[in-house]
């Protein structure tokens, strides 16, 4: 039964394909014919209508003027593009310099804060030791009292 279904589906596909080809064939045959307006190309080496009937001096002058205006506008656009690129490059360079300065400032501040923390820790330890020595001295432990400095020579 599976083989039977396979044969039916192949047959149905072939019929559908044949029908679609027959339906498209007349359309393509109609489209391939050249339009009635154009004469078929004879293959001759005759000059083109523009060569046979060149433009008048006024038309040529107008075309040259239009081309000159277009060239001026094109050159102006190129100059504007170059100026825009130079301004962009300058702003980008300034931005990168500012970012580098900012990064250096942040790093410098972080180093300064770390150094300050170390110094403060050392100071706090020395101050705590001094307070303990003063308390011990006031309590009677004379070894922890500060010694009187020797007199200064005069």
N, C-alpha and C. Protein backbone atom coordinates (compact mmCIF):
# COMPACT_ATOMS: atom_id res chain seq x y z
N UNK A 1 0.82 -1.18 0.00
CA UNK A 1 0.00 0.00 0.00
C UNK A 1 0.86 1.25 0.00
N UNK A 2 2.00 1.25 0.64
CA UNK A 2 2.90 2.38 0.65
C UNK A 2 3.42 2.67 -0.75
N UNK A 3 3.74 1.64 -1.49
CA UNK A 3 4.22 1.80 -2.87
C UNK A 3 3.13 2.42 -3.72
N UNK A 4 1.91 2.05 -3.51
CA UNK A 4 0.78 2.58 -4.28
C UNK A 4 0.63 4.08 -4.02
N UNK A 5 0.74 4.50 -2.77
CA UNK A 5 0.63 5.93 -2.45
C UNK A 5 1.78 6.70 -3.08
N UNK A 6 2.96 6.12 -3.07
CA UNK A 6 4.13 6.76 -3.66
C UNK A 6 3.93 6.96 -5.15
N UNK A 7 3.40 5.96 -5.83
CA UNK A 7 3.17 6.09 -7.27
C UNK A 7 2.10 7.13 -7.56
N UNK A 8 1.09 7.23 -6.75
CA UNK A 8 0.04 8.21 -6.95
C UNK A 8 0.58 9.61 -6.73
N UNK A 9 1.37 9.79 -5.69
CA UNK A 9 1.89 11.11 -5.42
C UNK A 9 2.88 11.55 -6.50
N UNK A 10 3.68 10.62 -7.04
CA UNK A 10 4.60 10.97 -8.13
C UNK A 10 3.81 11.31 -9.39
N UNK A 11 2.78 10.58 -9.64
CA UNK A 11 1.96 10.83 -10.82
C UNK A 11 1.26 12.17 -10.68
N UNK A 12 0.73 12.46 -9.50
CA UNK A 12 0.05 13.74 -9.27
C UNK A 12 1.04 14.89 -9.41
N UNK A 13 2.24 14.71 -8.93
CA UNK A 13 3.26 15.76 -9.04
C UNK A 13 3.62 15.98 -10.50
N UNK A 14 3.76 14.94 -11.25
CA UNK A 14 4.13 15.07 -12.66
C UNK A 14 3.02 15.78 -13.43
N UNK A 15 1.78 15.45 -13.14
CA UNK A 15 0.64 16.10 -13.82
C UNK A 15 0.61 17.58 -13.47
N UNK A 16 0.82 17.92 -12.20
CA UNK A 16 0.80 19.33 -11.78
C UNK A 16 1.94 20.10 -12.43
N UNK A 17 3.10 19.50 -12.54
CA UNK A 17 4.23 20.14 -13.19
C UNK A 17 3.97 20.37 -14.67
N UNK A 18 3.41 19.39 -15.33
CA UNK A 18 3.10 19.52 -16.75
C UNK A 18 2.06 20.61 -16.97
N UNK A 19 1.07 20.69 -16.13
CA UNK A 19 0.02 21.70 -16.25
C UNK A 19 0.59 23.09 -16.05
N UNK A 20 1.48 23.24 -15.08
CA UNK A 20 2.05 24.57 -14.84
C UNK A 20 2.96 24.98 -16.00
N UNK A 21 3.67 24.05 -16.61
CA UNK A 21 4.52 24.38 -17.76
C UNK A 21 3.67 24.81 -18.95
N UNK A 22 2.58 24.14 -19.16
CA UNK A 22 1.71 24.49 -20.28
C UNK A 22 1.04 25.84 -20.05
N UNK A 23 0.75 26.18 -18.81
CA UNK A 23 0.11 27.46 -18.52
C UNK A 23 1.10 28.61 -18.68
N UNK A 24 2.35 28.38 -18.39
CA UNK A 24 3.37 29.43 -18.46
C UNK A 24 3.89 29.58 -19.88
N UNK A 25 3.90 28.55 -20.67
CA UNK A 25 4.47 28.59 -22.01
C UNK A 25 3.84 29.67 -22.89
N UNK A 26 2.53 29.84 -22.96
CA UNK A 26 1.98 30.89 -23.81
C UNK A 26 2.36 32.29 -23.32
N UNK A 27 2.49 32.48 -22.01
CA UNK A 27 2.87 33.79 -21.50
C UNK A 27 4.29 34.14 -21.92
N UNK A 28 5.20 33.18 -21.80
CA UNK A 28 6.59 33.46 -22.17
C UNK A 28 6.72 33.66 -23.67
N UNK A 29 5.91 33.00 -24.46
CA UNK A 29 5.96 33.18 -25.91
C UNK A 29 5.50 34.58 -26.28
N UNK A 30 4.52 35.10 -25.56
CA UNK A 30 4.04 36.45 -25.85
C UNK A 30 5.05 37.49 -25.42
N UNK A 31 5.75 37.27 -24.36
CA UNK A 31 6.70 38.25 -23.85
C UNK A 31 7.98 38.30 -24.67
N UNK A 32 8.33 37.25 -25.35
CA UNK A 32 9.60 37.23 -26.07
C UNK A 32 9.54 37.99 -27.39
N UNK A 33 8.38 38.31 -27.87
CA UNK A 33 8.32 39.06 -29.13
C UNK A 33 8.67 40.51 -28.86
N UNK A 34 9.44 41.14 -29.79
CA UNK A 34 9.88 42.52 -29.57
C UNK A 34 8.68 43.46 -29.66
N UNK A 35 8.74 44.57 -28.97
CA UNK A 35 7.65 45.53 -29.04
C UNK A 35 7.46 46.04 -30.47
N UNK A 36 6.25 46.41 -30.78
CA UNK A 36 5.93 46.84 -32.14
C UNK A 36 6.59 48.17 -32.48
N UNK A 37 6.92 49.00 -31.47
CA UNK A 37 7.49 50.32 -31.72
C UNK A 37 8.91 50.23 -32.26
N UNK A 38 9.71 49.33 -31.73
CA UNK A 38 11.12 49.27 -32.10
C UNK A 38 11.31 48.40 -33.34
N UNK A 39 12.18 48.90 -34.17
CA UNK A 39 12.55 48.10 -35.33
C UNK A 39 13.60 47.12 -34.90
N UNK A 40 13.58 45.94 -35.43
CA UNK A 40 14.60 44.95 -35.05
C UNK A 40 15.99 45.45 -35.44
N UNK A 41 16.96 45.05 -34.65
CA UNK A 41 18.34 45.46 -34.92
C UNK A 41 18.81 44.78 -36.19
N UNK A 42 19.23 45.61 -37.12
CA UNK A 42 19.67 45.06 -38.41
C UNK A 42 21.12 44.61 -38.35
N UNK A 43 21.83 45.04 -37.30
CA UNK A 43 23.22 44.64 -37.18
C UNK A 43 24.15 45.50 -38.02
N UNK A 44 23.62 46.55 -38.59
CA UNK A 44 24.48 47.40 -39.43
C UNK A 44 25.33 48.31 -38.55
N UNK A 45 26.35 48.85 -39.13
CA UNK A 45 27.28 49.71 -38.42
C UNK A 45 26.98 51.18 -38.72
N UNK A 46 25.73 51.52 -38.92
CA UNK A 46 25.34 52.90 -39.21
C UNK A 46 25.53 53.73 -37.95
N UNK A 47 25.80 55.03 -38.10
CA UNK A 47 25.97 55.89 -36.93
C UNK A 47 24.65 56.05 -36.18
N UNK A 48 24.78 56.30 -34.89
CA UNK A 48 23.60 56.47 -34.05
C UNK A 48 22.91 57.78 -34.39
N UNK A 49 21.65 57.95 -33.99
CA UNK A 49 20.94 59.20 -34.26
C UNK A 49 21.64 60.41 -33.65
N UNK A 50 22.31 60.24 -32.52
CA UNK A 50 23.02 61.37 -31.90
C UNK A 50 24.19 61.78 -32.78
N UNK A 51 24.86 60.83 -33.38
CA UNK A 51 25.99 61.15 -34.24
C UNK A 51 25.51 61.81 -35.52
N UNK A 52 24.42 61.34 -36.06
CA UNK A 52 23.88 61.91 -37.29
C UNK A 52 23.35 63.32 -37.03
N UNK A 53 22.66 63.52 -35.93
CA UNK A 53 22.11 64.83 -35.57
C UNK A 53 22.74 65.30 -34.26
N UNK A 54 23.97 65.84 -34.30
CA UNK A 54 24.61 66.28 -33.07
C UNK A 54 23.85 67.46 -32.46
N UNK A 55 24.09 67.65 -31.16
CA UNK A 55 23.39 68.73 -30.48
C UNK A 55 23.88 70.08 -30.99
N UNK A 56 23.01 71.06 -30.80
CA UNK A 56 23.35 72.42 -31.25
C UNK A 56 24.39 73.00 -30.31
N UNK A 57 25.08 74.06 -30.73
CA UNK A 57 26.07 74.70 -29.85
C UNK A 57 25.45 75.18 -28.53
N UNK A 58 24.19 75.62 -28.57
CA UNK A 58 23.53 76.07 -27.34
C UNK A 58 23.30 74.89 -26.38
N UNK A 59 22.87 73.75 -26.96
CA UNK A 59 22.66 72.57 -26.13
C UNK A 59 23.98 72.08 -25.54
N UNK A 60 25.02 72.12 -26.36
CA UNK A 60 26.34 71.70 -25.90
C UNK A 60 26.84 72.62 -24.79
N UNK A 61 26.64 73.94 -24.94
CA UNK A 61 27.07 74.91 -23.93
C UNK A 61 26.28 74.70 -22.63
N UNK A 62 24.96 74.45 -22.76
CA UNK A 62 24.14 74.20 -21.57
C UNK A 62 24.60 72.93 -20.85
N UNK A 63 24.94 71.89 -21.62
CA UNK A 63 25.41 70.64 -21.03
C UNK A 63 26.74 70.87 -20.32
N UNK A 64 27.64 71.61 -20.96
CA UNK A 64 28.94 71.88 -20.34
C UNK A 64 28.78 72.71 -19.07
N UNK A 65 27.86 73.69 -19.09
CA UNK A 65 27.62 74.50 -17.90
C UNK A 65 27.05 73.64 -16.78
N UNK A 66 26.12 72.76 -17.12
CA UNK A 66 25.55 71.87 -16.10
C UNK A 66 26.63 70.95 -15.54
N UNK A 67 27.50 70.43 -16.39
CA UNK A 67 28.59 69.58 -15.93
C UNK A 67 29.54 70.37 -15.03
N UNK A 68 29.82 71.62 -15.39
CA UNK A 68 30.72 72.46 -14.58
C UNK A 68 30.10 72.71 -13.21
N UNK A 69 28.80 73.00 -13.16
CA UNK A 69 28.12 73.22 -11.88
C UNK A 69 28.18 71.94 -11.03
N UNK A 70 27.96 70.82 -11.69
CA UNK A 70 28.00 69.55 -10.96
C UNK A 70 29.40 69.29 -10.42
N UNK A 71 30.43 69.61 -11.20
CA UNK A 71 31.81 69.44 -10.75
C UNK A 71 32.09 70.35 -9.56
N UNK A 72 31.62 71.59 -9.59
CA UNK A 72 31.82 72.51 -8.48
C UNK A 72 31.13 71.99 -7.21
N UNK A 73 29.91 71.52 -7.37
CA UNK A 73 29.18 70.99 -6.22
C UNK A 73 29.88 69.74 -5.67
N UNK A 74 30.38 68.92 -6.56
CA UNK A 74 31.09 67.71 -6.13
C UNK A 74 32.36 68.07 -5.37
N UNK A 75 33.12 69.03 -5.90
CA UNK A 75 34.35 69.47 -5.22
C UNK A 75 34.03 70.11 -3.87
N UNK A 76 32.96 70.91 -3.83
CA UNK A 76 32.56 71.52 -2.56
C UNK A 76 32.19 70.44 -1.54
N UNK A 77 31.50 69.42 -1.99
CA UNK A 77 31.12 68.33 -1.09
C UNK A 77 32.36 67.59 -0.59
N UNK A 78 33.33 67.37 -1.47
CA UNK A 78 34.57 66.71 -1.06
C UNK A 78 35.32 67.55 -0.03
N UNK A 79 35.35 68.87 -0.24
CA UNK A 79 36.01 69.76 0.72
C UNK A 79 35.27 69.75 2.05
N UNK A 80 33.96 69.77 2.00
CA UNK A 80 33.17 69.73 3.23
C UNK A 80 33.40 68.40 3.96
N UNK A 81 33.47 67.31 3.22
CA UNK A 81 33.74 66.00 3.83
C UNK A 81 35.10 66.00 4.51
N UNK A 82 36.11 66.58 3.84
CA UNK A 82 37.46 66.64 4.42
C UNK A 82 37.45 67.50 5.69
N UNK A 83 36.73 68.63 5.66
CA UNK A 83 36.65 69.49 6.84
C UNK A 83 35.94 68.76 7.98
N UNK A 84 34.85 68.07 7.66
CA UNK A 84 34.12 67.32 8.68
C UNK A 84 35.00 66.23 9.29
N UNK A 85 35.77 65.54 8.44
CA UNK A 85 36.67 64.49 8.93
C UNK A 85 37.74 65.07 9.83
N UNK A 86 38.31 66.24 9.43
CA UNK A 86 39.34 66.87 10.25
C UNK A 86 38.77 67.29 11.60
N UNK A 87 37.56 67.84 11.61
CA UNK A 87 36.93 68.25 12.87
C UNK A 87 36.66 67.02 13.74
N UNK A 88 36.19 65.95 13.12
CA UNK A 88 35.93 64.72 13.86
C UNK A 88 37.23 64.19 14.47
N UNK A 89 38.29 64.17 13.67
CA UNK A 89 39.58 63.67 14.17
C UNK A 89 40.07 64.52 15.34
N UNK A 90 39.92 65.85 15.23
CA UNK A 90 40.36 66.73 16.31
C UNK A 90 39.55 66.49 17.58
N UNK A 91 38.23 66.36 17.43
CA UNK A 91 37.40 66.11 18.60
C UNK A 91 37.68 64.75 19.21
N UNK A 92 37.91 63.78 18.36
CA UNK A 92 38.22 62.43 18.85
C UNK A 92 39.54 62.44 19.63
N UNK A 93 40.54 63.13 19.09
CA UNK A 93 41.83 63.23 19.75
C UNK A 93 41.69 63.94 21.10
N UNK A 94 40.91 65.02 21.13
CA UNK A 94 40.67 65.74 22.38
C UNK A 94 39.98 64.83 23.39
N UNK A 95 38.99 64.11 22.94
CA UNK A 95 38.26 63.19 23.83
C UNK A 95 39.21 62.13 24.39
N UNK A 96 40.03 61.55 23.53
CA UNK A 96 40.95 60.51 23.98
C UNK A 96 41.95 61.08 24.98
N UNK A 97 42.42 62.32 24.74
CA UNK A 97 43.34 62.96 25.68
C UNK A 97 42.67 63.19 27.03
N UNK A 98 41.42 63.66 27.00
CA UNK A 98 40.69 63.89 28.24
C UNK A 98 40.46 62.59 28.99
N UNK A 99 40.15 61.53 28.26
CA UNK A 99 39.94 60.24 28.91
C UNK A 99 41.23 59.72 29.53
N UNK A 100 42.35 59.92 28.85
CA UNK A 100 43.64 59.50 29.39
C UNK A 100 43.96 60.29 30.66
N UNK A 101 43.71 61.61 30.61
CA UNK A 101 43.93 62.44 31.79
C UNK A 101 43.04 62.00 32.94
N UNK A 102 41.79 61.71 32.64
CA UNK A 102 40.85 61.26 33.67
C UNK A 102 41.33 59.93 34.29
N UNK A 103 41.74 59.01 33.42
CA UNK A 103 42.22 57.72 33.93
C UNK A 103 43.45 57.91 34.81
N UNK A 104 44.36 58.79 34.37
CA UNK A 104 45.56 59.05 35.18
C UNK A 104 45.18 59.69 36.50
N UNK A 105 44.20 60.60 36.48
CA UNK A 105 43.75 61.25 37.70
C UNK A 105 43.14 60.23 38.65
N UNK A 106 42.31 59.35 38.13
CA UNK A 106 41.68 58.32 38.97
C UNK A 106 42.75 57.41 39.56
N UNK A 107 43.70 57.00 38.74
CA UNK A 107 44.77 56.12 39.24
C UNK A 107 45.61 56.84 40.30
N UNK A 108 45.92 58.13 40.04
CA UNK A 108 46.73 58.91 40.97
C UNK A 108 45.99 59.07 42.29
N UNK A 109 44.69 59.34 42.21
CA UNK A 109 43.91 59.50 43.43
C UNK A 109 43.86 58.20 44.21
N UNK A 110 43.70 57.10 43.50
CA UNK A 110 43.65 55.80 44.18
C UNK A 110 44.98 55.53 44.89
N UNK A 111 46.10 55.84 44.23
CA UNK A 111 47.41 55.66 44.87
C UNK A 111 47.55 56.57 46.09
N UNK A 112 47.11 57.83 45.96
CA UNK A 112 47.21 58.78 47.08
C UNK A 112 46.35 58.32 48.25
N UNK A 113 45.14 57.83 47.96
CA UNK A 113 44.27 57.36 49.04
C UNK A 113 44.86 56.13 49.73
N UNK A 114 45.48 55.24 48.95
CA UNK A 114 46.11 54.06 49.55
C UNK A 114 47.30 54.48 50.42
N UNK A 115 48.10 55.43 49.93
CA UNK A 115 49.24 55.91 50.71
C UNK A 115 48.75 56.62 51.98
N UNK A 116 47.70 57.42 51.85
CA UNK A 116 47.13 58.10 53.03
C UNK A 116 46.65 57.08 54.06
N UNK A 117 46.01 56.02 53.59
CA UNK A 117 45.51 55.00 54.51
C UNK A 117 46.66 54.35 55.27
N UNK A 118 47.77 54.09 54.58
CA UNK A 118 48.93 53.49 55.25
C UNK A 118 49.52 54.45 56.29
N UNK A 119 49.64 55.73 55.89
CA UNK A 119 50.21 56.72 56.81
C UNK A 119 49.30 56.90 58.02
N UNK A 120 47.99 56.96 57.78
CA UNK A 120 47.04 57.11 58.88
C UNK A 120 47.10 55.91 59.80
N UNK A 121 47.23 54.73 59.26
CA UNK A 121 47.32 53.53 60.09
C UNK A 121 48.58 53.59 60.96
N UNK A 122 49.69 54.02 60.37
CA UNK A 122 50.93 54.14 61.13
C UNK A 122 50.80 55.21 62.20
N UNK A 123 50.21 56.35 61.83
CA UNK A 123 50.00 57.43 62.80
C UNK A 123 49.11 56.97 63.95
N UNK A 124 48.02 56.29 63.61
CA UNK A 124 47.10 55.81 64.66
C UNK A 124 47.82 54.85 65.60
N UNK A 125 48.69 54.00 65.07
CA UNK A 125 49.44 53.05 65.91
C UNK A 125 50.41 53.82 66.82
N UNK A 126 51.10 54.80 66.28
CA UNK A 126 52.05 55.59 67.08
C UNK A 126 51.30 56.39 68.14
N UNK A 127 50.16 56.97 67.75
CA UNK A 127 49.37 57.77 68.70
C UNK A 127 48.82 56.88 69.81
N UNK A 128 48.36 55.70 69.47
CA UNK A 128 47.84 54.77 70.48
C UNK A 128 48.96 54.37 71.44
N UNK A 129 50.16 54.13 70.90
CA UNK A 129 51.31 53.79 71.75
C UNK A 129 51.65 54.96 72.68
N UNK A 130 51.61 56.17 72.16
CA UNK A 130 51.91 57.37 72.97
C UNK A 130 50.89 57.53 74.09
N UNK A 131 49.60 57.34 73.76
CA UNK A 131 48.57 57.46 74.80
C UNK A 131 48.77 56.39 75.88
N UNK A 132 49.13 55.18 75.45
CA UNK A 132 49.38 54.10 76.43
C UNK A 132 50.58 54.45 77.30
N UNK A 133 51.64 55.02 76.70
CA UNK A 133 52.83 55.43 77.47
C UNK A 133 52.48 56.53 78.45
N UNK A 134 51.69 57.49 78.05
CA UNK A 134 51.30 58.59 78.94
C UNK A 134 50.47 58.04 80.10
N UNK A 135 49.54 57.16 79.79
CA UNK A 135 48.70 56.57 80.85
C UNK A 135 49.56 55.77 81.82
N UNK A 136 50.52 55.00 81.30
CA UNK A 136 51.39 54.21 82.16
C UNK A 136 52.29 55.12 83.00
N UNK A 137 52.78 56.18 82.42
CA UNK A 137 53.64 57.12 83.13
C UNK A 137 52.85 57.78 84.26
N UNK A 138 51.63 58.20 83.96
CA UNK A 138 50.78 58.84 84.98
C UNK A 138 50.41 57.83 86.06
N UNK A 139 50.40 56.56 85.73
CA UNK A 139 50.08 55.52 86.71
C UNK A 139 51.29 55.18 87.57
N UNK A 140 52.46 55.72 87.22
CA UNK A 140 53.63 55.49 88.06
C UNK A 140 54.71 54.69 87.40
N UNK A 141 54.53 54.18 86.21
CA UNK A 141 55.56 53.41 85.51
C UNK A 141 56.49 54.41 84.84
N UNK A 142 57.61 54.73 85.54
CA UNK A 142 58.52 55.76 85.08
C UNK A 142 59.33 55.35 83.84
N UNK A 143 59.43 54.08 83.58
CA UNK A 143 60.16 53.63 82.38
C UNK A 143 59.43 54.07 81.10
N UNK A 144 58.13 54.26 81.21
CA UNK A 144 57.34 54.62 80.02
C UNK A 144 57.17 56.12 79.90
N UNK A 145 57.74 56.86 80.81
CA UNK A 145 57.65 58.33 80.70
C UNK A 145 58.66 58.79 79.68
N UNK A 146 58.33 59.91 79.05
CA UNK A 146 59.25 60.47 78.05
C UNK A 146 60.46 61.04 78.79
N UNK A 147 61.62 60.83 78.18
CA UNK A 147 62.82 61.35 78.81
C UNK A 147 62.96 62.83 78.44
N UNK A 148 63.53 63.55 79.34
CA UNK A 148 63.74 64.96 79.08
C UNK A 148 64.89 65.07 78.09
N UNK A 149 64.68 65.85 77.06
CA UNK A 149 65.76 65.97 76.09
C UNK A 149 66.96 66.70 76.69
N UNK A 150 68.15 66.37 76.25
CA UNK A 150 69.33 67.05 76.76
C UNK A 150 69.27 68.54 76.40
N UNK A 151 69.89 69.36 77.19
CA UNK A 151 69.86 70.79 76.88
C UNK A 151 70.61 71.08 75.58
N UNK A 152 70.11 72.08 74.91
CA UNK A 152 70.70 72.47 73.62
C UNK A 152 71.97 73.26 73.88
N UNK A 153 73.03 72.96 73.18
CA UNK A 153 74.25 73.77 73.34
C UNK A 153 74.03 75.19 72.80
N UNK A 154 74.60 76.09 73.50
CA UNK A 154 74.39 77.48 73.08
C UNK A 154 75.58 78.04 72.45
